[in-house]
Amino acid sequence: MNRSNVRDYNSAAEWLLGSKDKTHRKRSLYEYGLELRRSGAHSITVFHNSWIGSQAVVTYFQDGSCIVHGRAHGTFWQSIRRIYSEYVKDLEICIRKGKIIISLPVDGRSPSKVTKCRTCKGVGTKPKECYGPTYRCWDDECEQYISYSEVRTKYYNLDYNDPLREELWKILESLEHSHPTCKHGYAQAHQLPNDRYNCYRCNTSGIVDYGNKKRGRVWDGVNNFGIDADGNYIEVEV
C-alpha cells in the first residue's frame, strides 16, 4: 500500500525531506522492498529491491513527466503491477488475454454497449444450485447424522488422553454414512428454479454495459516508456 502518497516529483521530494540521511538523497517508502532515491538534480526514482536485485520502477522529473521502467522478470505478477499502478499517477495496468495492457486517462473509453445480461439472460436472478449427494451426509434432519453429531461433540469435549476417546472414535466411524441422492431426490447436481438469488453481474437490472471500457495499449513489460506532464504516452528510445 502506498502510504507515502508518492505519486509525482513534488510528493517524492517532500517525502525525501523526512529522511534521516542529512543529504536527503534516499528514504524507505515503508513498504517491503521499496525505496526512494534522488537520481539526478531534477529527478527522483522509486526502486524495488528483490531477490533479483534493485530495479527502478518509475523516475519522476521536475517538469511533471516521468519514465516507467520495464523489468525482465515479474511484470506479469499482480504484486508488481500493483506497485506500478500505485506509484505512477493515473496509470492503470492489467492482463488481458495474456498481454499487459496499460491505460492512461487520455486514452479514453470504448463506446457503450448496453445489452441483456449474459449471466442471467436478462432475468435479473439466477436459480440456486444443489450439488447433489456428497461422500458423507451433512443433513441436519437425518436421524443418523444427528446421532453422529452428538457423538462427535462428546468426542471433542473429552480430554486428549481420555481412554473413552478411542471407543467414541469407533462409534463415529460406524455412524459415518452417505445417501445415494440429495435431499431433493436427485443423484447429481441440479438447479432449484423456485429458490433464486440476485444476479451478481447486473445486480437484478437484467442489463449490462459490456462496452465503456478503458482503452489502452499493449506493453511488453520490458522496455521503458514515458508519460509527459499532460498525461500523454511517450515512446522512449532504448
Protein backbone atom coordinates (compact mmCIF):
# COMPACT_ATOMS: atom_id res chain seq x y z
CA MET A 1 0.00 0.00 0.00
CA ASN A 2 1.30 3.42 -0.98
CA ARG A 3 1.15 5.01 2.48
CA SER A 4 3.66 7.70 1.49
CA ASN A 5 1.33 9.11 -1.21
CA VAL A 6 4.35 9.48 -3.50
CA ARG A 7 2.89 9.87 -6.99
CA ASP A 8 4.96 12.55 -8.71
CA TYR A 9 8.13 14.65 -8.35
CA ASN A 10 6.72 17.10 -5.81
CA SER A 11 5.35 14.43 -3.47
CA ALA A 12 8.60 12.45 -3.84
CA ALA A 13 10.73 15.50 -2.99
CA GLU A 14 8.58 16.18 0.05
CA TRP A 15 8.98 12.57 1.20
CA LEU A 16 12.78 12.79 0.90
CA LEU A 17 12.82 15.79 3.23
CA GLY A 18 11.81 13.43 6.06
CA SER A 19 14.86 11.23 5.52
CA LYS A 20 17.27 10.66 8.42
CA ASP A 21 20.03 10.95 5.84
CA LYS A 22 21.37 14.51 6.09
CA THR A 23 21.73 14.74 2.31
CA HIS A 24 18.05 13.75 1.85
CA ARG A 25 19.02 11.60 -1.12
CA LYS A 26 17.22 8.39 -0.16
CA ARG A 27 14.46 7.16 2.11
CA SER A 28 12.49 3.96 2.57
CA LEU A 29 8.88 4.07 1.42
CA TYR A 30 7.94 1.88 4.40
CA GLU A 31 6.70 -0.79 2.03
CA TYR A 32 8.62 -4.04 1.67
CA GLY A 33 11.43 -3.68 -0.87
CA LEU A 34 10.60 -0.12 -1.97
CA GLU A 35 12.97 2.82 -1.61
CA LEU A 36 13.03 6.38 -2.92
CA ARG A 37 16.34 7.77 -4.20
CA ARG A 38 17.37 11.05 -5.79
CA SER A 39 18.80 10.02 -9.17
CA GLY A 40 19.66 13.47 -10.51
CA ALA A 41 19.42 17.19 -9.87
CA HIS A 42 15.87 17.21 -11.21
CA SER A 43 14.83 13.54 -10.93
CA ILE A 44 13.81 11.09 -8.20
CA THR A 45 13.38 7.33 -8.67
CA VAL A 46 11.36 4.64 -6.90
CA PHE A 47 13.41 1.43 -6.61
CA HIS A 48 12.20 -2.08 -5.90
CA ASN A 49 14.72 -4.28 -4.10
CA SER A 50 14.08 -8.01 -4.55
CA TRP A 51 15.87 -11.34 -4.96
CA ILE A 52 16.90 -10.36 -8.50
CA GLY A 53 18.50 -7.09 -7.36
CA SER A 54 17.50 -3.44 -7.22
CA GLN A 55 15.32 -2.29 -10.12
CA ALA A 56 13.90 1.13 -10.95
CA VAL A 57 10.09 1.33 -11.04
CA VAL A 58 9.45 4.94 -12.04
CA THR A 59 11.57 8.06 -12.34
CA TYR A 60 9.84 11.39 -11.66
CA PHE A 61 11.10 14.60 -13.27
CA GLN A 62 10.68 18.15 -12.04
CA ASP A 63 8.82 19.17 -15.21
CA GLY A 64 5.97 16.80 -14.30
CA SER A 65 6.89 13.97 -16.66
CA CYS A 66 8.07 10.51 -15.68
CA ILE A 67 9.61 7.36 -17.10
CA VAL A 68 8.10 3.97 -16.29
CA HIS A 69 10.85 1.35 -16.18
CA GLY A 70 10.26 -2.11 -17.57
CA ARG A 71 11.73 -5.19 -15.96
CA ALA A 72 12.93 -8.53 -17.26
CA HIS A 73 11.16 -10.52 -14.52
CA GLY A 74 7.85 -10.27 -12.71
CA THR A 75 5.89 -7.73 -14.73
CA PHE A 76 3.04 -10.23 -15.02
CA TRP A 77 2.94 -10.69 -11.23
CA GLN A 78 -0.01 -8.97 -9.62
CA SER A 79 2.17 -7.58 -6.82
CA ILE A 80 4.45 -5.84 -9.34
CA ARG A 81 1.56 -4.46 -11.39
CA ARG A 82 0.09 -3.07 -8.17
CA ILE A 83 3.31 -1.14 -7.48
CA TYR A 84 3.23 0.42 -10.96
CA SER A 85 -0.42 1.43 -10.55
CA GLU A 86 0.13 2.99 -7.12
CA TYR A 87 3.34 4.90 -7.82
CA VAL A 88 2.65 6.04 -11.39
CA LYS A 89 -0.05 8.69 -11.38
CA ASP A 90 -3.22 7.84 -13.36
CA LEU A 91 -1.69 4.64 -14.79
CA GLU A 92 -3.83 1.51 -14.82
CA ILE A 93 -2.29 -1.81 -15.75
CA CYS A 94 -3.94 -5.19 -16.20
CA ILE A 95 -3.63 -8.51 -18.01
CA ARG A 96 -5.96 -9.28 -20.94
CA LYS A 97 -5.63 -12.47 -22.92
CA GLY A 98 -2.09 -12.99 -21.70
CA LYS A 99 -0.93 -9.46 -22.60
CA ILE A 100 -0.06 -6.49 -20.40
CA ILE A 101 -2.38 -3.57 -21.11
CA ILE A 102 -1.57 -0.05 -19.86
CA SER A 103 -4.21 2.67 -19.78
CA LEU A 104 -3.98 6.43 -19.25
CA PRO A 105 -6.87 8.91 -18.88
CA VAL A 106 -6.05 10.44 -22.30
CA ASP A 107 -6.71 7.05 -23.93
CA GLY A 108 -10.45 7.47 -23.34
CA ARG A 109 -13.02 4.68 -23.25
CA SER A 110 -14.72 2.43 -25.78
CA PRO A 111 -18.38 3.11 -26.82
CA SER A 112 -21.11 1.84 -24.52
CA LYS A 113 -22.68 -1.49 -25.41
CA VAL A 114 -25.72 -1.94 -23.16
CA THR A 115 -27.38 -5.29 -23.71
CA LYS A 116 -29.05 -8.20 -21.94
CA CYS A 117 -27.01 -9.66 -19.11
CA ARG A 118 -25.16 -12.73 -20.33
CA THR A 119 -25.02 -14.26 -16.86
CA CYS A 120 -28.74 -14.33 -16.03
CA LYS A 121 -30.01 -13.95 -19.62
CA GLY A 122 -31.75 -10.68 -18.70
CA VAL A 123 -33.89 -12.14 -15.92
CA GLY A 124 -32.07 -10.44 -13.06
CA THR A 125 -31.95 -13.53 -10.87
CA LYS A 126 -30.44 -16.98 -11.12
CA PRO A 127 -31.66 -20.28 -9.67
CA LYS A 128 -29.65 -21.66 -6.80
CA GLU A 129 -27.90 -24.96 -7.29
CA CYS A 130 -27.70 -28.16 -5.31
CA TYR A 131 -24.55 -30.15 -5.96
CA GLY A 132 -26.19 -33.49 -5.32
CA PRO A 133 -25.20 -36.14 -2.79
CA THR A 134 -21.85 -35.91 -1.02
CA TYR A 135 -19.48 -38.60 0.16
CA ARG A 136 -20.74 -38.02 3.71
CA CYS A 137 -24.17 -36.98 4.98
CA TRP A 138 -24.42 -33.47 6.43
CA ASP A 139 -28.22 -33.27 6.54
CA ASP A 140 -29.31 -31.77 9.87
CA GLU A 141 -32.67 -33.56 9.58
CA CYS A 142 -31.16 -37.01 9.07
CA GLU A 143 -31.56 -39.08 12.26
CA GLN A 144 -28.31 -40.94 11.68
CA TYR A 145 -26.43 -37.68 11.19
CA ILE A 146 -27.94 -36.29 14.40
CA SER A 147 -26.53 -39.30 16.26
CA TYR A 148 -23.17 -38.80 14.54
CA SER A 149 -23.14 -35.13 15.52
CA GLU A 150 -23.92 -35.89 19.17
CA VAL A 151 -21.13 -38.46 19.44
CA ARG A 152 -18.69 -36.16 17.68
CA THR A 153 -19.45 -33.38 20.19
CA LYS A 154 -18.74 -35.76 23.09
CA TYR A 155 -15.54 -36.92 21.41
CA TYR A 156 -14.08 -33.42 21.02
CA ASN A 157 -15.11 -32.38 24.53
CA LEU A 158 -13.06 -35.16 26.13
CA ASP A 159 -9.51 -34.69 27.30
CA TYR A 160 -6.96 -35.83 24.71
CA ASN A 161 -5.70 -38.64 26.98
CA ASP A 162 -9.15 -39.89 27.98
CA PRO A 163 -9.41 -43.64 27.11
CA LEU A 164 -13.07 -43.15 26.16
CA ARG A 165 -11.98 -41.22 23.06
CA GLU A 166 -10.90 -44.40 21.29
CA GLU A 167 -14.29 -46.02 21.89
CA LEU A 168 -16.16 -42.94 20.69
CA TRP A 169 -13.98 -42.83 17.56
CA LYS A 170 -15.06 -46.34 16.65
CA ILE A 171 -18.69 -45.32 17.14
CA LEU A 172 -18.13 -42.29 14.91
CA GLU A 173 -16.73 -44.47 12.14
CA SER A 174 -19.78 -46.76 12.35
CA LEU A 175 -22.13 -43.77 12.11
CA GLU A 176 -20.49 -42.21 9.05
CA HIS A 177 -22.79 -42.66 6.05
CA SER A 178 -23.89 -41.16 2.76
CA HIS A 179 -27.07 -41.17 0.67
CA PRO A 180 -27.48 -42.14 -3.00
CA THR A 181 -29.41 -38.91 -3.63
CA CYS A 182 -29.56 -35.40 -2.20
CA LYS A 183 -32.48 -34.26 -0.03
CA HIS A 184 -34.34 -33.28 -3.21
CA GLY A 185 -34.12 -36.82 -4.55
CA TYR A 186 -31.53 -36.19 -7.27
CA ALA A 187 -28.35 -38.20 -7.75
CA GLN A 188 -26.47 -35.36 -9.44
CA ALA A 189 -26.11 -31.58 -9.36
CA HIS A 190 -29.25 -29.65 -10.31
CA GLN A 191 -30.81 -26.20 -10.22
CA LEU A 192 -33.57 -25.07 -7.86
CA PRO A 193 -35.72 -22.77 -10.04
CA ASN A 194 -38.00 -21.76 -7.16
CA ASP A 195 -35.08 -20.81 -4.94
CA ARG A 196 -33.22 -17.93 -6.60
CA TYR A 197 -30.55 -15.37 -5.81
CA ASN A 198 -29.88 -11.93 -7.26
CA CYS A 199 -27.57 -11.89 -10.26
CA TYR A 200 -24.17 -10.57 -9.19
CA ARG A 201 -23.32 -9.34 -12.70
CA CYS A 202 -26.24 -6.99 -13.36
CA ASN A 203 -27.47 -6.52 -9.76
CA THR A 204 -31.04 -7.60 -10.76
CA SER A 205 -31.32 -4.99 -13.56
CA GLY A 206 -31.08 -7.60 -16.33
CA ILE A 207 -28.88 -5.35 -18.46
CA VAL A 208 -25.11 -4.77 -18.51
CA ASP A 209 -22.87 -2.31 -20.32
CA TYR A 210 -20.31 -4.57 -21.98
CA GLY A 211 -18.62 -1.55 -23.58
CA ASN A 212 -17.37 1.64 -21.93
CA LYS A 213 -14.02 0.00 -21.21
CA LYS A 214 -10.79 1.87 -20.78
CA ARG A 215 -8.73 1.96 -23.92
CA GLY A 216 -5.06 1.14 -23.71
CA ARG A 217 -2.06 -0.28 -25.46
CA VAL A 218 -0.03 -3.45 -25.19
CA TRP A 219 3.21 -3.20 -23.21
CA ASP A 220 5.90 -5.86 -23.38
CA GLY A 221 6.75 -5.18 -19.74
CA VAL A 222 10.46 -4.87 -20.54
CA ASN A 223 11.01 -1.64 -22.47
CA ASN A 224 10.64 1.72 -20.73
CA PHE A 225 8.00 4.26 -21.70
CA GLY A 226 7.35 7.84 -20.68
CA ILE A 227 4.37 9.94 -19.61
CA ASP A 228 4.57 13.69 -20.15
CA ALA A 229 3.20 16.38 -17.86
CA ASP A 230 -0.14 16.31 -19.72
CA GLY A 231 -0.52 12.56 -19.23
CA ASN A 232 0.35 11.58 -22.80
CA TYR A 233 2.19 8.38 -23.62
CA ILE A 234 5.77 8.84 -24.90
CA GLU A 235 7.95 6.31 -26.66
CA VAL A 236 11.36 6.06 -25.03
CA GLU A 237 14.37 5.12 -27.11
CA VAL A 238 16.28 2.14 -25.80
